[in-house]
């Protein structure tokens, strides 16, 4: 399998077109869900508490994809 990401500490940097597309897709989903939740929230804490599960899932998904498709040096 071709390497899609390069590890850089705790994060993964995309090194291919596919890796960049995955990164941009997850960022777009992250921003979309944040704006959707924020538009229906009544306070900052309401936004924060409702967004934490989604943000956690996106971050864990990105780290999992990065760790499975990168060459550990």
PDB file of N, CA and C in Angstrom:
ATOM      1  N   UNK A   1       0.844  -1.182   0.000  1.00  0.00           N
ATOM      2  CA  UNK A   1       0.000   0.000   0.000  1.00  0.00           C
ATOM      3  C   UNK A   1       0.886   1.240   0.000  1.00  0.00           C
ATOM      4  N   UNK A   2       0.501   2.204  -0.767  1.00  0.00           N
ATOM      5  CA  UNK A   2       1.238   3.455  -0.865  1.00  0.00           C
ATOM      6  C   UNK A   2       1.063   4.268   0.428  1.00  0.00           C
ATOM      7  N   UNK A   3       2.122   4.921   0.851  1.00  0.00           N
ATOM      8  CA  UNK A   3       2.034   5.762   2.039  1.00  0.00           C
ATOM      9  C   UNK A   3       1.229   7.013   1.724  1.00  0.00           C
ATOM     10  N   UNK A   4       0.212   7.254   2.536  1.00  0.00           N
ATOM     11  CA  UNK A   4      -0.623   8.432   2.357  1.00  0.00           C
ATOM     12  C   UNK A   4      -0.210   9.561   3.283  1.00  0.00           C
ATOM     13  N   UNK A   5       0.393   9.222   4.424  1.00  0.00           N
ATOM     14  CA  UNK A   5       0.759  10.194   5.434  1.00  0.00           C
ATOM     15  C   UNK A   5       2.179   9.957   5.920  1.00  0.00           C
ATOM     16  N   UNK A   6       2.748  11.009   6.504  1.00  0.00           N
ATOM     17  CA  UNK A   6       4.058  10.921   7.126  1.00  0.00           C
ATOM     18  C   UNK A   6       3.889  11.323   8.584  1.00  0.00           C
ATOM     19  N   UNK A   7       4.334  10.486   9.531  1.00  0.00           N
ATOM     20  CA  UNK A   7       4.171  10.853  10.933  1.00  0.00           C
ATOM     21  C   UNK A   7       5.077  12.021  11.310  1.00  0.00           C
ATOM     22  N   UNK A   8       4.541  12.935  12.087  1.00  0.00           N
ATOM     23  CA  UNK A   8       5.291  14.074  12.587  1.00  0.00           C
ATOM     24  C   UNK A   8       4.857  14.269  14.042  1.00  0.00           C
ATOM     25  N   UNK A   9       5.490  13.533  14.929  1.00  0.00           N
ATOM     26  CA  UNK A   9       5.074  13.549  16.326  1.00  0.00           C
ATOM     27  C   UNK A   9       3.748  12.827  16.477  1.00  0.00           C
ATOM     28  N   UNK A  10       2.759  13.536  17.022  1.00  0.00           N
ATOM     29  CA  UNK A  10       1.433  12.950  17.228  1.00  0.00           C
ATOM     30  C   UNK A  10       0.497  13.152  16.051  1.00  0.00           C
ATOM     31  N   UNK A  11       0.913  13.936  15.062  1.00  0.00           N
ATOM     32  CA  UNK A  11       0.044  14.211  13.925  1.00  0.00           C
ATOM     33  C   UNK A  11       0.602  13.554  12.665  1.00  0.00           C
ATOM     34  N   UNK A  12      -0.185  13.541  11.631  1.00  0.00           N
ATOM     35  CA  UNK A  12       0.202  12.941  10.359  1.00  0.00           C
ATOM     36  C   UNK A  12       0.024  13.975   9.254  1.00  0.00           C
ATOM     37  N   UNK A  13       1.062  14.121   8.456  1.00  0.00           N
ATOM     38  CA  UNK A  13       1.067  15.075   7.354  1.00  0.00           C
ATOM     39  C   UNK A  13       0.785  14.312   6.059  1.00  0.00           C
ATOM     40  N   UNK A  14      -0.200  14.742   5.259  1.00  0.00           N
ATOM     41  CA  UNK A  14      -0.467  14.043   4.005  1.00  0.00           C
ATOM     42  C   UNK A  14       0.694  14.219   3.014  1.00  0.00           C
ATOM     43  N   UNK A  15       1.072  13.114   2.351  1.00  0.00           N
ATOM     44  CA  UNK A  15       2.160  13.160   1.364  1.00  0.00           C
ATOM     45  C   UNK A  15       1.686  12.721  -0.014  1.00  0.00           C
ATOM     46  N   UNK A  16       0.391  12.499  -0.171  1.00  0.00           N
ATOM     47  CA  UNK A  16      -0.149  12.110  -1.466  1.00  0.00           C
ATOM     48  C   UNK A  16      -1.469  12.837  -1.698  1.00  0.00           C
ATOM     49  N   UNK A  17      -1.952  12.746  -2.910  1.00  0.00           N
ATOM     50  CA  UNK A  17      -3.234  13.374  -3.263  1.00  0.00           C
ATOM     51  C   UNK A  17      -4.366  12.747  -2.455  1.00  0.00           C
ATOM     52  N   UNK A  18      -4.344  11.441  -2.308  1.00  0.00           N
ATOM     53  CA  UNK A  18      -5.389  10.751  -1.548  1.00  0.00           C
ATOM     54  C   UNK A  18      -5.371  11.176  -0.088  1.00  0.00           C
ATOM     55  N   UNK A  19      -4.185  11.276   0.496  1.00  0.00           N
ATOM     56  CA  UNK A  19      -4.064  11.724   1.881  1.00  0.00           C
ATOM     57  C   UNK A  19      -4.574  13.146   2.052  1.00  0.00           C
ATOM     58  N   UNK A  20      -4.283  14.004   1.072  1.00  0.00           N
ATOM     59  CA  UNK A  20      -4.781  15.383   1.126  1.00  0.00           C
ATOM     60  C   UNK A  20      -6.299  15.424   1.019  1.00  0.00           C
ATOM     61  N   UNK A  21      -6.871  14.590   0.165  1.00  0.00           N
ATOM     62  CA  UNK A  21      -8.331  14.538   0.016  1.00  0.00           C
ATOM     63  C   UNK A  21      -8.995  14.054   1.306  1.00  0.00           C
ATOM     64  N   UNK A  22      -8.415  13.059   1.952  1.00  0.00           N
ATOM     65  CA  UNK A  22      -8.945  12.558   3.227  1.00  0.00           C
ATOM     66  C   UNK A  22      -8.891  13.658   4.272  1.00  0.00           C
ATOM     67  N   UNK A  23      -7.771  14.364   4.333  1.00  0.00           N
ATOM     68  CA  UNK A  23      -7.606  15.445   5.304  1.00  0.00           C
ATOM     69  C   UNK A  23      -8.622  16.552   5.057  1.00  0.00           C
ATOM     70  N   UNK A  24      -8.779  16.979   3.813  1.00  0.00           N
ATOM     71  CA  UNK A  24      -9.730  18.043   3.497  1.00  0.00           C
ATOM     72  C   UNK A  24     -11.172  17.625   3.768  1.00  0.00           C
ATOM     73  N   UNK A  25     -11.500  16.365   3.491  1.00  0.00           N
ATOM     74  CA  UNK A  25     -12.845  15.865   3.764  1.00  0.00           C
ATOM     75  C   UNK A  25     -13.146  15.886   5.258  1.00  0.00           C
ATOM     76  N   UNK A  26     -12.203  15.425   6.076  1.00  0.00           N
ATOM     77  CA  UNK A  26     -12.429  15.425   7.518  1.00  0.00           C
ATOM     78  C   UNK A  26     -12.505  16.846   8.072  1.00  0.00           C
ATOM     79  N   UNK A  27     -11.692  17.764   7.550  1.00  0.00           N
ATOM     80  CA  UNK A  27     -11.770  19.157   7.991  1.00  0.00           C
ATOM     81  C   UNK A  27     -13.120  19.759   7.607  1.00  0.00           C
ATOM     82  N   UNK A  28     -13.593  19.465   6.398  1.00  0.00           N
ATOM     83  CA  UNK A  28     -14.887  19.990   5.953  1.00  0.00           C
ATOM     84  C   UNK A  28     -16.025  19.446   6.824  1.00  0.00           C
ATOM     85  N   UNK A  29     -15.980  18.172   7.147  1.00  0.00           N
ATOM     86  CA  UNK A  29     -17.007  17.586   8.011  1.00  0.00           C
ATOM     87  C   UNK A  29     -16.942  18.178   9.419  1.00  0.00           C
ATOM     88  N   UNK A  30     -15.733  18.395   9.915  1.00  0.00           N
ATOM     89  CA  UNK A  30     -15.510  18.988  11.228  1.00  0.00           C
ATOM     90  C   UNK A  30     -16.138  20.378  11.298  1.00  0.00           C
ATOM     91  N   UNK A  31     -15.842  21.216  10.306  1.00  0.00           N
ATOM     92  CA  UNK A  31     -16.362  22.588  10.281  1.00  0.00           C
ATOM     93  C   UNK A  31     -17.876  22.590  10.084  1.00  0.00           C
ATOM     94  N   UNK A  32     -18.367  21.734   9.198  1.00  0.00           N
ATOM     95  CA  UNK A  32     -19.807  21.673   8.947  1.00  0.00           C
ATOM     96  C   UNK A  32     -20.571  21.306  10.212  1.00  0.00           C
ATOM     97  N   UNK A  33     -20.121  20.276  10.907  1.00  0.00           N
ATOM     98  CA  UNK A  33     -20.813  19.863  12.128  1.00  0.00           C
ATOM     99  C   UNK A  33     -20.720  20.927  13.215  1.00  0.00           C
ATOM    100  N   UNK A  34     -19.567  21.589  13.317  1.00  0.00           N
ATOM    101  CA  UNK A  34     -19.438  22.655  14.311  1.00  0.00           C
ATOM    102  C   UNK A  34     -20.432  23.778  14.027  1.00  0.00           C
ATOM    103  N   UNK A  35     -20.503  24.212  12.779  1.00  0.00           N
ATOM    104  CA  UNK A  35     -21.425  25.302  12.430  1.00  0.00           C
ATOM    105  C   UNK A  35     -22.880  24.884  12.614  1.00  0.00           C
ATOM    106  N   UNK A  36     -23.199  23.629  12.295  1.00  0.00           N
ATOM    107  CA  UNK A  36     -24.560  23.131  12.473  1.00  0.00           C
ATOM    108  C   UNK A  36     -24.941  23.133  13.951  1.00  0.00           C
ATOM    109  N   UNK A  37     -24.051  22.624  14.796  1.00  0.00           N
ATOM    110  CA  UNK A  37     -24.332  22.579  16.233  1.00  0.00           C
ATOM    111  C   UNK A  37     -24.372  23.983  16.810  1.00  0.00           C
ATOM    112  N   UNK A  38     -23.463  24.847  16.374  1.00  0.00           N
ATOM    113  CA  UNK A  38     -23.416  26.208  16.897  1.00  0.00           C
ATOM    114  C   UNK A  38     -24.664  27.008  16.538  1.00  0.00           C
ATOM    115  N   UNK A  39     -25.240  26.738  15.382  1.00  0.00           N
ATOM    116  CA  UNK A  39     -26.431  27.486  14.983  1.00  0.00           C
ATOM    117  C   UNK A  39     -27.655  27.123  15.822  1.00  0.00           C
ATOM    118  N   UNK A  40     -27.631  25.991  16.480  1.00  0.00           N
ATOM    119  CA  UNK A  40     -28.766  25.554  17.289  1.00  0.00           C
ATOM    120  C   UNK A  40     -28.488  25.611  18.793  1.00  0.00           C
ATOM    121  N   UNK A  41     -27.337  26.161  19.167  1.00  0.00           N
ATOM    122  CA  UNK A  41     -26.974  26.240  20.575  1.00  0.00           C
ATOM    123  C   UNK A  41     -27.357  27.593  21.150  1.00  0.00           C
ATOM    124  N   UNK A  42     -27.506  27.603  22.471  1.00  0.00           N
ATOM    125  CA  UNK A  42     -27.897  28.833  23.152  1.00  0.00           C
ATOM    126  C   UNK A  42     -26.723  29.506  23.856  1.00  0.00           C
ATOM    127  N   UNK A  43     -25.629  28.780  24.033  1.00  0.00           N
ATOM    128  CA  UNK A  43     -24.476  29.355  24.720  1.00  0.00           C
ATOM    129  C   UNK A  43     -23.204  28.667  24.233  1.00  0.00           C
ATOM    130  N   UNK A  44     -22.073  29.216  24.644  1.00  0.00           N
ATOM    131  CA  UNK A  44     -20.782  28.642  24.271  1.00  0.00           C
ATOM    132  C   UNK A  44     -20.632  27.250  24.870  1.00  0.00           C
ATOM    133  N   UNK A  45     -21.028  27.087  26.113  1.00  0.00           N
ATOM    134  CA  UNK A  45     -20.892  25.781  26.750  1.00  0.00           C
ATOM    135  C   UNK A  45     -21.814  24.747  26.095  1.00  0.00           C
ATOM    136  N   UNK A  46     -22.969  25.183  25.644  1.00  0.00           N
ATOM    137  CA  UNK A  46     -23.883  24.288  24.940  1.00  0.00           C
ATOM    138  C   UNK A  46     -23.242  23.793  23.642  1.00  0.00           C
ATOM    139  N   UNK A  47     -22.620  24.691  22.898  1.00  0.00           N
ATOM    140  CA  UNK A  47     -21.904  24.312  21.677  1.00  0.00           C
ATOM    141  C   UNK A  47     -20.774  23.354  22.002  1.00  0.00           C
ATOM    142  N   UNK A  48     -20.007  23.691  23.014  1.00  0.00           N
ATOM    143  CA  UNK A  48     -18.856  22.881  23.413  1.00  0.00           C
ATOM    144  C   UNK A  48     -19.271  21.457  23.780  1.00  0.00           C
ATOM    145  N   UNK A  49     -20.251  21.324  24.653  1.00  0.00           N
ATOM    146  CA  UNK A  49     -20.654  19.996  25.110  1.00  0.00           C
ATOM    147  C   UNK A  49     -21.296  19.157  24.013  1.00  0.00           C
ATOM    148  N   UNK A  50     -22.007  19.786  23.099  1.00  0.00           N
ATOM    149  CA  UNK A  50     -22.631  19.037  22.016  1.00  0.00           C
ATOM    150  C   UNK A  50     -21.651  18.669  20.906  1.00  0.00           C
ATOM    151  N   UNK A  51     -20.566  19.441  20.769  1.00  0.00           N
ATOM    152  CA  UNK A  51     -19.607  19.173  19.698  1.00  0.00           C
ATOM    153  C   UNK A  51     -18.510  18.192  20.104  1.00  0.00           C
ATOM    154  N   UNK A  52     -18.232  18.047  21.382  1.00  0.00           N
ATOM    155  CA  UNK A  52     -17.137  17.178  21.839  1.00  0.00           C
ATOM    156  C   UNK A  52     -17.219  15.762  21.256  1.00  0.00           C
ATOM    157  N   UNK A  53     -18.352  15.076  21.283  1.00  0.00           N
ATOM    158  CA  UNK A  53     -18.371  13.709  20.726  1.00  0.00           C
ATOM    159  C   UNK A  53     -18.014  13.661  19.239  1.00  0.00           C
ATOM    160  N   UNK A  54     -18.506  14.614  18.471  1.00  0.00           N
ATOM    161  CA  UNK A  54     -18.213  14.631  17.040  1.00  0.00           C
ATOM    162  C   UNK A  54     -16.742  14.956  16.779  1.00  0.00           C
ATOM    163  N   UNK A  55     -16.233  15.958  17.467  1.00  0.00           N
ATOM    164  CA  UNK A  55     -14.831  16.321  17.313  1.00  0.00           C
ATOM    165  C   UNK A  55     -13.906  15.175  17.695  1.00  0.00           C
ATOM    166  N   UNK A  56     -14.242  14.476  18.770  1.00  0.00           N
ATOM    167  CA  UNK A  56     -13.443  13.335  19.207  1.00  0.00           C
ATOM    168  C   UNK A  56     -13.433  12.238  18.144  1.00  0.00           C
ATOM    169  N   UNK A  57     -14.579  11.943  17.577  1.00  0.00           N
ATOM    170  CA  UNK A  57     -14.667  10.903  16.547  1.00  0.00           C
ATOM    171  C   UNK A  57     -13.843  11.286  15.323  1.00  0.00           C
ATOM    172  N   UNK A  58     -13.918  12.550  14.891  1.00  0.00           N
ATOM    173  CA  UNK A  58     -13.139  12.983  13.728  1.00  0.00           C
ATOM    174  C   UNK A  58     -11.643  12.912  13.987  1.00  0.00           C
ATOM    175  N   UNK A  59     -11.213  13.337  15.155  1.00  0.00           N
ATOM    176  CA  UNK A  59      -9.787  13.303  15.467  1.00  0.00           C
ATOM    177  C   UNK A  59      -9.280  11.874  15.566  1.00  0.00           C
ATOM    178  N   UNK A  60     -10.014  11.003  16.230  1.00  0.00           N
ATOM    179  CA  UNK A  60      -9.601   9.607  16.347  1.00  0.00           C
ATOM    180  C   UNK A  60      -9.586   8.930  14.979  1.00  0.00           C
ATOM    181  N   UNK A  61     -10.569   9.228  14.143  1.00  0.00           N
ATOM    182  CA  UNK A  61     -10.608   8.664  12.792  1.00  0.00           C
ATOM    183  C   UNK A  61      -9.390   9.096  11.983  1.00  0.00           C
ATOM    184  N   UNK A  62      -9.043  10.380  12.063  1.00  0.00           N
ATOM    185  CA  UNK A  62      -7.868  10.883  11.337  1.00  0.00           C
ATOM    186  C   UNK A  62      -6.588  10.231  11.832  1.00  0.00           C
ATOM    187  N   UNK A  63      -6.446  10.108  13.134  1.00  0.00           N
ATOM    188  CA  UNK A  63      -5.244   9.470  13.684  1.00  0.00           C
ATOM    189  C   UNK A  63      -5.179   7.991  13.318  1.00  0.00           C
ATOM    190  N   UNK A  64      -6.321   7.326  13.292  1.00  0.00           N
ATOM    191  CA  UNK A  64      -6.342   5.908  12.932  1.00  0.00           C
ATOM    192  C   UNK A  64      -5.967   5.717  11.461  1.00  0.00           C
ATOM    193  N   UNK A  65      -6.557   6.519  10.573  1.00  0.00           N
ATOM    194  CA  UNK A  65      -6.219   6.424   9.151  1.00  0.00           C
ATOM    195  C   UNK A  65      -4.751   6.765   8.943  1.00  0.00           C
ATOM    196  N   UNK A  66      -4.276   7.805   9.602  1.00  0.00           N
ATOM    197  CA  UNK A  66      -2.870   8.195   9.471  1.00  0.00           C
ATOM    198  C   UNK A  66      -1.920   7.115   9.956  1.00  0.00           C
ATOM    199  N   UNK A  67      -2.243   6.471  11.067  1.00  0.00           N
ATOM    200  CA  UNK A  67      -1.345   5.442  11.591  1.00  0.00           C
ATOM    201  C   UNK A  67      -1.358   4.175  10.740  1.00  0.00           C
ATOM    202  N   UNK A  68      -2.486   3.871  10.112  1.00  0.00           N
ATOM    203  CA  UNK A  68      -2.579   2.668   9.280  1.00  0.00           C
ATOM    204  C   UNK A  68      -1.996   2.860   7.890  1.00  0.00           C
ATOM    205  N   UNK A  69      -1.875   4.093   7.441  1.00  0.00           N
ATOM    206  CA  UNK A  69      -1.406   4.317   6.073  1.00  0.00           C
ATOM    207  C   UNK A  69      -0.134   5.160   6.022  1.00  0.00           C
ATOM    208  N   UNK A  70       0.692   5.041   7.047  1.00  0.00           N
ATOM    209  CA  UNK A  70       1.975   5.745   7.032  1.00  0.00           C
ATOM    210  C   UNK A  70       3.100   4.769   7.333  1.00  0.00           C
ATOM    211  N   UNK A  71       4.256   5.121   6.889  1.00  0.00           N
ATOM    212  CA  UNK A  71       5.422   4.300   7.140  1.00  0.00           C
ATOM    213  C   UNK A  71       6.068   4.784   8.433  1.00  0.00           C
ATOM    214  N   UNK A  72       6.097   3.927   9.418  1.00  0.00           N
ATOM    215  CA  UNK A  72       6.726   4.277  10.696  1.00  0.00           C
ATOM    216  C   UNK A  72       8.224   4.215  10.544  1.00  0.00           C
ATOM    217  N   UNK A  73       8.895   5.317  10.846  1.00  0.00           N
ATOM    218  CA  UNK A  73      10.340   5.396  10.652  1.00  0.00           C
ATOM    219  C   UNK A  73      11.073   5.157  11.947  1.00  0.00           C
TER     220      UNK A  73
END
